[in-house]
Amino acid sequence: MRPMTTTPGPAGPATSTLERTQTDTEYRTDHGDHERFSHYVRKEKIVESAVTGEPVTALCGKIWVPGRDPKRFPVCPMCKEIYEGLRPPADGGD
């Protein structure tokens, strides 16, 4: 956290600013068409998510906490293209 700074005015300190660093991790989960598909996620990330409850990122970039049976849905076309090497991954991996 940074110290409070003041900006001098004509009659002394007129305004002050307090800068804070946010330490909470805020996840943005995606909704929409991605929900209709099962997605490719690195296996170690699925295991980690099961332990910590933190969201995972699919190859296509979708962010969510896994909790449904992927066999019940068709494979995401974008994940499939990436897996087959037609696109670079959007999950931050190689």
PDB file of N, CA and C in Angstrom:
ATOM      1  N   MET A   1       0.848  -1.163   0.000  1.00  0.00           N
ATOM      2  CA  MET A   1       0.000   0.000   0.000  1.00  0.00           C
ATOM      3  C   MET A   1       0.897   1.229   0.000  1.00  0.00           C
ATOM      4  N   ARG A   2       0.511   2.205  -0.802  1.00  0.00           N
ATOM      5  CA  ARG A   2       1.295   3.434  -0.884  1.00  0.00           C
ATOM      6  C   ARG A   2       0.799   4.429   0.152  1.00  0.00           C
ATOM      7  N   PRO A   3       1.672   5.337   0.590  1.00  0.00           N
ATOM      8  CA  PRO A   3       1.258   6.342   1.576  1.00  0.00           C
ATOM      9  C   PRO A   3       0.315   7.371   0.948  1.00  0.00           C
ATOM     10  N   MET A   4      -0.424   8.070   1.803  1.00  0.00           N
ATOM     11  CA  MET A   4      -1.325   9.108   1.352  1.00  0.00           C
ATOM     12  C   MET A   4      -0.502  10.284   0.872  1.00  0.00           C
ATOM     13  N   THR A   5      -0.915  10.848  -0.259  1.00  0.00           N
ATOM     14  CA  THR A   5      -0.232  12.031  -0.789  1.00  0.00           C
ATOM     15  C   THR A   5      -1.206  13.188  -0.772  1.00  0.00           C
ATOM     16  N   THR A   6      -0.683  14.370  -0.629  1.00  0.00           N
ATOM     17  CA  THR A   6      -1.537  15.558  -0.610  1.00  0.00           C
ATOM     18  C   THR A   6      -1.112  16.502  -1.713  1.00  0.00           C
ATOM     19  N   THR A   7      -2.076  17.248  -2.215  1.00  0.00           N
ATOM     20  CA  THR A   7      -1.810  18.258  -3.226  1.00  0.00           C
ATOM     21  C   THR A   7      -2.051  19.613  -2.585  1.00  0.00           C
ATOM     22  N   PRO A   8      -1.007  20.448  -2.496  1.00  0.00           N
ATOM     23  CA  PRO A   8      -1.185  21.733  -1.835  1.00  0.00           C
ATOM     24  C   PRO A   8      -2.097  22.662  -2.633  1.00  0.00           C
ATOM     25  N   GLY A   9      -2.946  23.376  -1.940  1.00  0.00           N
ATOM     26  CA  GLY A   9      -3.813  24.386  -2.543  1.00  0.00           C
ATOM     27  C   GLY A   9      -3.354  25.761  -2.109  1.00  0.00           C
ATOM     28  N   PRO A  10      -4.122  26.803  -2.423  1.00  0.00           N
ATOM     29  CA  PRO A  10      -3.721  28.165  -2.064  1.00  0.00           C
ATOM     30  C   PRO A  10      -3.632  28.372  -0.553  1.00  0.00           C
ATOM     31  N   ALA A  11      -4.442  27.628   0.215  1.00  0.00           N
ATOM     32  CA  ALA A  11      -4.429  27.830   1.666  1.00  0.00           C
ATOM     33  C   ALA A  11      -3.898  26.586   2.377  1.00  0.00           C
ATOM     34  N   GLY A  12      -3.036  25.810   1.740  1.00  0.00           N
ATOM     35  CA  GLY A  12      -2.497  24.595   2.352  1.00  0.00           C
ATOM     36  C   GLY A  12      -3.015  23.356   1.631  1.00  0.00           C
ATOM     37  N   PRO A  13      -2.915  22.203   2.294  1.00  0.00           N
ATOM     38  CA  PRO A  13      -3.373  20.975   1.636  1.00  0.00           C
ATOM     39  C   PRO A  13      -4.870  21.019   1.349  1.00  0.00           C
ATOM     40  N   ALA A  14      -5.222  20.880   0.050  1.00  0.00           N
ATOM     41  CA  ALA A  14      -6.623  20.983  -0.343  1.00  0.00           C
ATOM     42  C   ALA A  14      -7.237  19.618  -0.619  1.00  0.00           C
ATOM     43  N   THR A  15      -6.477  18.734  -1.194  1.00  0.00           N
ATOM     44  CA  THR A  15      -7.008  17.408  -1.509  1.00  0.00           C
ATOM     45  C   THR A  15      -6.010  16.349  -1.090  1.00  0.00           C
ATOM     46  N   SER A  16      -6.498  15.156  -0.919  1.00  0.00           N
ATOM     47  CA  SER A  16      -5.595  14.049  -0.606  1.00  0.00           C
ATOM     48  C   SER A  16      -6.040  12.823  -1.383  1.00  0.00           C
ATOM     49  N   THR A  17      -5.104  11.963  -1.673  1.00  0.00           N
ATOM     50  CA  THR A  17      -5.374  10.747  -2.423  1.00  0.00           C
ATOM     51  C   THR A  17      -4.766   9.575  -1.674  1.00  0.00           C
ATOM     52  N   LEU A  18      -5.550   8.549  -1.499  1.00  0.00           N
ATOM     53  CA  LEU A  18      -5.079   7.332  -0.859  1.00  0.00           C
ATOM     54  C   LEU A  18      -5.128   6.219  -1.899  1.00  0.00           C
ATOM     55  N   GLU A  19      -3.971   5.658  -2.214  1.00  0.00           N
ATOM     56  CA  GLU A  19      -3.927   4.593  -3.206  1.00  0.00           C
ATOM     57  C   GLU A  19      -3.917   3.247  -2.502  1.00  0.00           C
ATOM     58  N   ARG A  20      -4.768   2.318  -2.959  1.00  0.00           N
ATOM     59  CA  ARG A  20      -4.841   0.980  -2.387  1.00  0.00           C
ATOM     60  C   ARG A  20      -4.574  -0.055  -3.467  1.00  0.00           C
ATOM     61  N   THR A  21      -3.971  -1.136  -3.055  1.00  0.00           N
ATOM     62  CA  THR A  21      -3.772  -2.264  -3.942  1.00  0.00           C
ATOM     63  C   THR A  21      -4.821  -3.303  -3.600  1.00  0.00           C
ATOM     64  N   GLN A  22      -5.608  -3.711  -4.606  1.00  0.00           N
ATOM     65  CA  GLN A  22      -6.641  -4.705  -4.367  1.00  0.00           C
ATOM     66  C   GLN A  22      -6.002  -6.086  -4.336  1.00  0.00           C
ATOM     67  N   THR A  23      -6.267  -6.823  -3.267  1.00  0.00           N
ATOM     68  CA  THR A  23      -5.664  -8.134  -3.118  1.00  0.00           C
ATOM     69  C   THR A  23      -6.627  -9.271  -3.402  1.00  0.00           C
ATOM     70  N   ASP A  24      -7.930  -8.962  -3.518  1.00  0.00           N
ATOM     71  CA  ASP A  24      -8.904 -10.006  -3.816  1.00  0.00           C
ATOM     72  C   ASP A  24      -8.736 -10.467  -5.250  1.00  0.00           C
ATOM     73  N   THR A  25      -8.816 -11.769  -5.456  1.00  0.00           N
ATOM     74  CA  THR A  25      -8.782 -12.307  -6.804  1.00  0.00           C
ATOM     75  C   THR A  25     -10.213 -12.384  -7.296  1.00  0.00           C
ATOM     76  N   GLU A  26     -10.468 -11.725  -8.397  1.00  0.00           N
ATOM     77  CA  GLU A  26     -11.813 -11.704  -8.945  1.00  0.00           C
ATOM     78  C   GLU A  26     -11.797 -12.441 -10.276  1.00  0.00           C
ATOM     79  N   TYR A  27     -12.622 -13.475 -10.396  1.00  0.00           N
ATOM     80  CA  TYR A  27     -12.676 -14.255 -11.614  1.00  0.00           C
ATOM     81  C   TYR A  27     -13.912 -13.873 -12.411  1.00  0.00           C
ATOM     82  N   ARG A  28     -13.737 -13.777 -13.695  1.00  0.00           N
ATOM     83  CA  ARG A  28     -14.856 -13.514 -14.591  1.00  0.00           C
ATOM     84  C   ARG A  28     -15.177 -14.825 -15.299  1.00  0.00           C
ATOM     85  N   THR A  29     -16.342 -15.354 -15.023  1.00  0.00           N
ATOM     86  CA  THR A  29     -16.725 -16.591 -15.690  1.00  0.00           C
ATOM     87  C   THR A  29     -17.579 -16.252 -16.891  1.00  0.00           C
ATOM     88  N   ASP A  30     -17.439 -17.035 -17.924  1.00  0.00           N
ATOM     89  CA  ASP A  30     -18.138 -16.785 -19.170  1.00  0.00           C
ATOM     90  C   ASP A  30     -19.481 -17.488 -19.203  1.00  0.00           C
ATOM     91  N   HIS A  31     -20.406 -16.896 -19.918  1.00  0.00           N
ATOM     92  CA  HIS A  31     -21.729 -17.472 -20.113  1.00  0.00           C
ATOM     93  C   HIS A  31     -22.030 -17.418 -21.608  1.00  0.00           C
ATOM     94  N   GLY A  32     -23.072 -18.064 -22.028  1.00  0.00           N
ATOM     95  CA  GLY A  32     -23.482 -17.989 -23.422  1.00  0.00           C
ATOM     96  C   GLY A  32     -23.305 -19.317 -24.132  1.00  0.00           C
ATOM     97  N   ASP A  33     -22.941 -19.245 -25.404  1.00  0.00           N
ATOM     98  CA  ASP A  33     -22.829 -20.443 -26.236  1.00  0.00           C
ATOM     99  C   ASP A  33     -21.838 -21.460 -25.695  1.00  0.00           C
ATOM    100  N   HIS A  34     -20.830 -21.006 -24.963  1.00  0.00           N
ATOM    101  CA  HIS A  34     -19.833 -21.937 -24.419  1.00  0.00           C
ATOM    102  C   HIS A  34     -20.477 -22.980 -23.514  1.00  0.00           C
ATOM    103  N   GLU A  35     -21.611 -22.645 -22.920  1.00  0.00           N
ATOM    104  CA  GLU A  35     -22.273 -23.564 -21.989  1.00  0.00           C
ATOM    105  C   GLU A  35     -22.840 -24.794 -22.695  1.00  0.00           C
ATOM    106  N   ARG A  36     -23.002 -24.729 -23.994  1.00  0.00           N
ATOM    107  CA  ARG A  36     -23.585 -25.845 -24.733  1.00  0.00           C
ATOM    108  C   ARG A  36     -22.564 -26.908 -25.094  1.00  0.00           C
ATOM    109  N   PHE A  37     -21.298 -26.679 -24.800  1.00  0.00           N
ATOM    110  CA  PHE A  37     -20.229 -27.576 -25.229  1.00  0.00           C
ATOM    111  C   PHE A  37     -19.406 -28.096 -24.052  1.00  0.00           C
ATOM    112  N   SER A  38     -18.717 -29.195 -24.299  1.00  0.00           N
ATOM    113  CA  SER A  38     -17.666 -29.620 -23.372  1.00  0.00           C
ATOM    114  C   SER A  38     -16.365 -29.047 -23.933  1.00  0.00           C
ATOM    115  N   HIS A  39     -15.438 -28.714 -23.061  1.00  0.00           N
ATOM    116  CA  HIS A  39     -14.227 -28.014 -23.467  1.00  0.00           C
ATOM    117  C   HIS A  39     -12.983 -28.800 -23.083  1.00  0.00           C
ATOM    118  N   TYR A  40     -11.908 -28.542 -23.837  1.00  0.00           N
ATOM    119  CA  TYR A  40     -10.620 -29.153 -23.522  1.00  0.00           C
ATOM    120  C   TYR A  40      -9.898 -28.282 -22.500  1.00  0.00           C
ATOM    121  N   VAL A  41      -9.467 -28.928 -21.409  1.00  0.00           N
ATOM    122  CA  VAL A  41      -8.712 -28.257 -20.349  1.00  0.00           C
ATOM    123  C   VAL A  41      -7.567 -29.176 -19.973  1.00  0.00           C
ATOM    124  N   ARG A  42      -6.434 -28.605 -19.648  1.00  0.00           N
ATOM    125  CA  ARG A  42      -5.283 -29.415 -19.230  1.00  0.00           C
ATOM    126  C   ARG A  42      -5.656 -30.222 -17.989  1.00  0.00           C
ATOM    127  N   LYS A  43      -5.311 -31.508 -18.012  1.00  0.00           N
ATOM    128  CA  LYS A  43      -5.734 -32.439 -16.962  1.00  0.00           C
ATOM    129  C   LYS A  43      -5.318 -31.971 -15.571  1.00  0.00           C
ATOM    130  N   GLU A  44      -4.104 -31.470 -15.436  1.00  0.00           N
ATOM    131  CA  GLU A  44      -3.638 -31.032 -14.120  1.00  0.00           C
ATOM    132  C   GLU A  44      -4.454 -29.852 -13.600  1.00  0.00           C
ATOM    133  N   LYS A  45      -4.994 -29.039 -14.503  1.00  0.00           N
ATOM    134  CA  LYS A  45      -5.829 -27.908 -14.091  1.00  0.00           C
ATOM    135  C   LYS A  45      -7.194 -28.380 -13.577  1.00  0.00           C
ATOM    136  N   ILE A  46      -7.728 -29.455 -14.161  1.00  0.00           N
ATOM    137  CA  ILE A  46      -8.995 -30.015 -13.683  1.00  0.00           C
ATOM    138  C   ILE A  46      -8.824 -30.541 -12.260  1.00  0.00           C
ATOM    139  N   VAL A  47      -7.724 -31.262 -12.037  1.00  0.00           N
ATOM    140  CA  VAL A  47      -7.453 -31.815 -10.704  1.00  0.00           C
ATOM    141  C   VAL A  47      -7.280 -30.675  -9.699  1.00  0.00           C
ATOM    142  N   GLU A  48      -6.517 -29.664 -10.079  1.00  0.00           N
ATOM    143  CA  GLU A  48      -6.293 -28.506  -9.197  1.00  0.00           C
ATOM    144  C   GLU A  48      -7.613 -27.810  -8.870  1.00  0.00           C
ATOM    145  N   SER A  49      -8.485 -27.665  -9.869  1.00  0.00           N
ATOM    146  CA  SER A  49      -9.774 -27.024  -9.654  1.00  0.00           C
ATOM    147  C   SER A  49     -10.656 -27.845  -8.709  1.00  0.00           C
ATOM    148  N   ALA A  50     -10.579 -29.166  -8.828  1.00  0.00           N
ATOM    149  CA  ALA A  50     -11.369 -30.031  -7.947  1.00  0.00           C
ATOM    150  C   ALA A  50     -10.945 -29.860  -6.493  1.00  0.00           C
ATOM    151  N   VAL A  51      -9.662 -29.582  -6.268  1.00  0.00           N
ATOM    152  CA  VAL A  51      -9.138 -29.426  -4.912  1.00  0.00           C
ATOM    153  C   VAL A  51      -9.402 -28.014  -4.374  1.00  0.00           C
ATOM    154  N   THR A  52      -9.141 -26.994  -5.209  1.00  0.00           N
ATOM    155  CA  THR A  52      -9.214 -25.608  -4.738  1.00  0.00           C
ATOM    156  C   THR A  52     -10.549 -24.927  -5.000  1.00  0.00           C
ATOM    157  N   GLY A  53     -11.298 -25.413  -5.986  1.00  0.00           N
ATOM    158  CA  GLY A  53     -12.544 -24.769  -6.356  1.00  0.00           C
ATOM    159  C   GLY A  53     -12.362 -23.557  -7.244  1.00  0.00           C
ATOM    160  N   GLU A  54     -11.136 -23.314  -7.707  1.00  0.00           N
ATOM    161  CA  GLU A  54     -10.870 -22.172  -8.572  1.00  0.00           C
ATOM    162  C   GLU A  54     -11.230 -22.511 -10.020  1.00  0.00           C
ATOM    163  N   PRO A  55     -11.617 -21.508 -10.809  1.00  0.00           N
ATOM    164  CA  PRO A  55     -11.982 -21.746 -12.201  1.00  0.00           C
ATOM    165  C   PRO A  55     -10.797 -22.228 -13.042  1.00  0.00           C
ATOM    166  N   VAL A  56     -11.123 -22.888 -14.147  1.00  0.00           N
ATOM    167  CA  VAL A  56     -10.129 -23.325 -15.121  1.00  0.00           C
ATOM    168  C   VAL A  56     -10.347 -22.542 -16.406  1.00  0.00           C
ATOM    169  N   THR A  57      -9.343 -22.557 -17.285  1.00  0.00           N
ATOM    170  CA  THR A  57      -9.451 -21.910 -18.583  1.00  0.00           C
ATOM    171  C   THR A  57      -9.314 -22.967 -19.664  1.00  0.00           C
ATOM    172  N   ALA A  58     -10.332 -23.076 -20.509  1.00  0.00           N
ATOM    173  CA  ALA A  58     -10.306 -24.034 -21.615  1.00  0.00           C
ATOM    174  C   ALA A  58      -9.356 -23.543 -22.698  1.00  0.00           C
ATOM    175  N   LEU A  59      -9.029 -24.417 -23.629  1.00  0.00           N
ATOM    176  CA  LEU A  59      -8.148 -24.030 -24.732  1.00  0.00           C
ATOM    177  C   LEU A  59      -8.718 -22.848 -25.512  1.00  0.00           C
ATOM    178  N   CYS A  60     -10.042 -22.768 -25.611  1.00  0.00           N
ATOM    179  CA  CYS A  60     -10.685 -21.684 -26.356  1.00  0.00           C
ATOM    180  C   CYS A  60     -10.732 -20.377 -25.569  1.00  0.00           C
ATOM    181  N   GLY A  61     -10.393 -20.427 -24.280  1.00  0.00           N
ATOM    182  CA  GLY A  61     -10.397 -19.223 -23.448  1.00  0.00           C
ATOM    183  C   GLY A  61     -11.558 -19.137 -22.483  1.00  0.00           C
ATOM    184  N   LYS A  62     -12.526 -20.043 -22.550  1.00  0.00           N
ATOM    185  CA  LYS A  62     -13.661 -20.043 -21.622  1.00  0.00           C
ATOM    186  C   LYS A  62     -13.148 -20.278 -20.198  1.00  0.00           C
ATOM    187  N   ILE A  63     -13.686 -19.516 -19.247  1.00  0.00           N
ATOM    188  CA  ILE A  63     -13.300 -19.628 -17.841  1.00  0.00           C
ATOM    189  C   ILE A  63     -14.524 -20.064 -17.052  1.00  0.00           C
ATOM    190  N   TRP A  64     -14.383 -21.148 -16.278  1.00  0.00           N
ATOM    191  CA  TRP A  64     -15.493 -21.634 -15.459  1.00  0.00           C
ATOM    192  C   TRP A  64     -14.991 -22.658 -14.456  1.00  0.00           C
ATOM    193  N   VAL A  65     -15.833 -22.991 -13.491  1.00  0.00           N
ATOM    194  CA  VAL A  65     -15.525 -24.036 -12.521  1.00  0.00           C
ATOM    195  C   VAL A  65     -16.226 -25.300 -13.013  1.00  0.00           C
ATOM    196  N   PRO A  66     -15.473 -26.338 -13.390  1.00  0.00           N
ATOM    197  CA  PRO A  66     -16.084 -27.565 -13.906  1.00  0.00           C
ATOM    198  C   PRO A  66     -16.989 -28.209 -12.862  1.00  0.00           C
ATOM    199  N   GLY A  67     -18.102 -28.745 -13.341  1.00  0.00           N
ATOM    200  CA  GLY A  67     -19.003 -29.385 -12.399  1.00  0.00           C
ATOM    201  C   GLY A  67     -20.050 -30.247 -13.080  1.00  0.00           C
ATOM    202  N   ARG A  68     -19.928 -30.444 -14.378  1.00  0.00           N
ATOM    203  CA  ARG A  68     -20.905 -31.257 -15.092  1.00  0.00           C
ATOM    204  C   ARG A  68     -20.194 -32.351 -15.881  1.00  0.00           C
ATOM    205  N   ASP A  69     -20.946 -33.329 -16.314  1.00  0.00           N
ATOM    206  CA  ASP A  69     -20.384 -34.449 -17.067  1.00  0.00           C
ATOM    207  C   ASP A  69     -20.138 -34.013 -18.510  1.00  0.00           C
ATOM    208  N   PRO A  70     -18.873 -33.893 -18.939  1.00  0.00           N
ATOM    209  CA  PRO A  70     -18.581 -33.413 -20.287  1.00  0.00           C
ATOM    210  C   PRO A  70     -19.050 -34.378 -21.380  1.00  0.00           C
ATOM    211  N   LYS A  71     -19.291 -35.631 -21.030  1.00  0.00           N
ATOM    212  CA  LYS A  71     -19.728 -36.602 -22.038  1.00  0.00           C
ATOM    213  C   LYS A  71     -21.149 -36.323 -22.527  1.00  0.00           C
ATOM    214  N   ARG A  72     -21.888 -35.495 -21.808  1.00  0.00           N
ATOM    215  CA  ARG A  72     -23.272 -35.187 -22.175  1.00  0.00           C
ATOM    216  C   ARG A  72     -23.378 -34.080 -23.224  1.00  0.00           C
ATOM    217  N   PHE A  73     -22.249 -33.455 -23.610  1.00  0.00           N
ATOM    218  CA  PHE A  73     -22.273 -32.320 -24.514  1.00  0.00           C
ATOM    219  C   PHE A  73     -21.307 -32.533 -25.672  1.00  0.00           C
ATOM    220  N   PRO A  74     -21.572 -31.926 -26.830  1.00  0.00           N
ATOM    221  CA  PRO A  74     -20.611 -32.017 -27.938  1.00  0.00           C
ATOM    222  C   PRO A  74     -19.355 -31.207 -27.619  1.00  0.00           C
ATOM    223  N   VAL A  75     -18.247 -31.554 -28.262  1.00  0.00           N
ATOM    224  CA  VAL A  75     -16.973 -30.858 -28.037  1.00  0.00           C
ATOM    225  C   VAL A  75     -17.034 -29.476 -28.674  1.00  0.00           C
ATOM    226  N   CYS A  76     -16.514 -28.502 -27.960  1.00  0.00           N
ATOM    227  CA  CYS A  76     -16.433 -27.122 -28.450  1.00  0.00           C
ATOM    228  C   CYS A  76     -15.613 -27.104 -29.749  1.00  0.00           C
ATOM    229  N   PRO A  77     -16.170 -26.564 -30.832  1.00  0.00           N
ATOM    230  CA  PRO A  77     -15.445 -26.553 -32.101  1.00  0.00           C
ATOM    231  C   PRO A  77     -14.120 -25.794 -32.031  1.00  0.00           C
ATOM    232  N   MET A  78     -14.078 -24.700 -31.285  1.00  0.00           N
ATOM    233  CA  MET A  78     -12.838 -23.928 -31.186  1.00  0.00           C
ATOM    234  C   MET A  78     -11.778 -24.709 -30.405  1.00  0.00           C
ATOM    235  N   CYS A  79     -12.187 -25.364 -29.306  1.00  0.00           N
ATOM    236  CA  CYS A  79     -11.246 -26.191 -28.545  1.00  0.00           C
ATOM    237  C   CYS A  79     -10.691 -27.308 -29.430  1.00  0.00           C
ATOM    238  N   LYS A  80     -11.569 -27.898 -30.229  1.00  0.00           N
ATOM    239  CA  LYS A  80     -11.151 -28.995 -31.106  1.00  0.00           C
ATOM    240  C   LYS A  80     -10.125 -28.518 -32.130  1.00  0.00           C
ATOM    241  N   GLU A  81     -10.364 -27.344 -32.735  1.00  0.00           N
ATOM    242  CA  GLU A  81      -9.407 -26.779 -33.691  1.00  0.00           C
ATOM    243  C   GLU A  81      -8.053 -26.533 -33.037  1.00  0.00           C
ATOM    244  N   ILE A  82      -8.086 -25.987 -31.833  1.00  0.00           N
ATOM    245  CA  ILE A  82      -6.841 -25.696 -31.121  1.00  0.00           C
ATOM    246  C   ILE A  82      -6.121 -26.995 -30.781  1.00  0.00           C
ATOM    247  N   TYR A  83      -6.857 -27.969 -30.287  1.00  0.00           N
ATOM    248  CA  TYR A  83      -6.269 -29.259 -29.918  1.00  0.00           C
ATOM    249  C   TYR A  83      -5.617 -29.923 -31.126  1.00  0.00           C
ATOM    250  N   GLU A  84      -6.249 -29.798 -32.277  1.00  0.00           N
ATOM    251  CA  GLU A  84      -5.716 -30.402 -33.500  1.00  0.00           C
ATOM    252  C   GLU A  84      -4.613 -29.554 -34.137  1.00  0.00           C
ATOM    253  N   GLY A  85      -4.287 -28.425 -33.528  1.00  0.00           N
ATOM    254  CA  GLY A  85      -3.165 -27.619 -33.988  1.00  0.00           C
ATOM    255  C   GLY A  85      -3.502 -26.577 -35.031  1.00  0.00           C
ATOM    256  N   LEU A  86      -4.761 -26.293 -35.234  1.00  0.00           N
ATOM    257  CA  LEU A  86      -5.141 -25.317 -36.242  1.00  0.00           C
ATOM    258  C   LEU A  86      -5.103 -23.888 -35.731  1.00  0.00           C
ATOM    259  N   ARG A  87      -5.147 -23.706 -34.404  1.00  0.00           N
ATOM    260  CA  ARG A  87      -5.100 -22.389 -33.765  1.00  0.00           C
ATOM    261  C   ARG A  87      -4.180 -22.436 -32.576  1.00  0.00           C
ATOM    262  N   PRO A  88      -3.610 -21.302 -32.178  1.00  0.00           N
ATOM    263  CA  PRO A  88      -2.845 -21.269 -30.926  1.00  0.00           C
ATOM    264  C   PRO A  88      -3.802 -21.295 -29.736  1.00  0.00           C
ATOM    265  N   PRO A  89      -3.416 -21.923 -28.601  1.00  0.00           N
ATOM    266  CA  PRO A  89      -4.307 -21.981 -27.444  1.00  0.00           C
ATOM    267  C   PRO A  89      -4.543 -20.622 -26.811  1.00  0.00           C
ATOM    268  N   ALA A  90      -5.734 -20.442 -26.250  1.00  0.00           N
ATOM    269  CA  ALA A  90      -6.088 -19.197 -25.577  1.00  0.00           C
ATOM    270  C   ALA A  90      -6.087 -19.370 -24.066  1.00  0.00           C
ATOM    271  N   ASP A  91      -5.529 -20.497 -23.577  1.00  0.00           N
ATOM    272  CA  ASP A  91      -5.542 -20.774 -22.139  1.00  0.00           C
ATOM    273  C   ASP A  91      -4.252 -20.352 -21.449  1.00  0.00           C
ATOM    274  N   GLY A  92      -3.383 -19.651 -22.173  1.00  0.00           N
ATOM    275  CA  GLY A  92      -2.133 -19.186 -21.584  1.00  0.00           C
ATOM    276  C   GLY A  92      -1.025 -20.234 -21.618  1.00  0.00           C
ATOM    277  N   GLY A  93      -1.293 -21.408 -22.138  1.00  0.00           N
ATOM    278  CA  GLY A  93      -0.296 -22.477 -22.212  1.00  0.00           C
ATOM    279  C   GLY A  93       0.323 -22.564 -23.597  1.00  0.00           C
ATOM    280  N   ASP A  94       1.158 -23.555 -23.771  1.00  0.00           N
ATOM    281  CA  ASP A  94       1.823 -23.744 -25.072  1.00  0.00           C
ATOM    282  C   ASP A  94       1.013 -24.602 -25.992  1.00  0.00           C
TER     283      ASP A  94
END
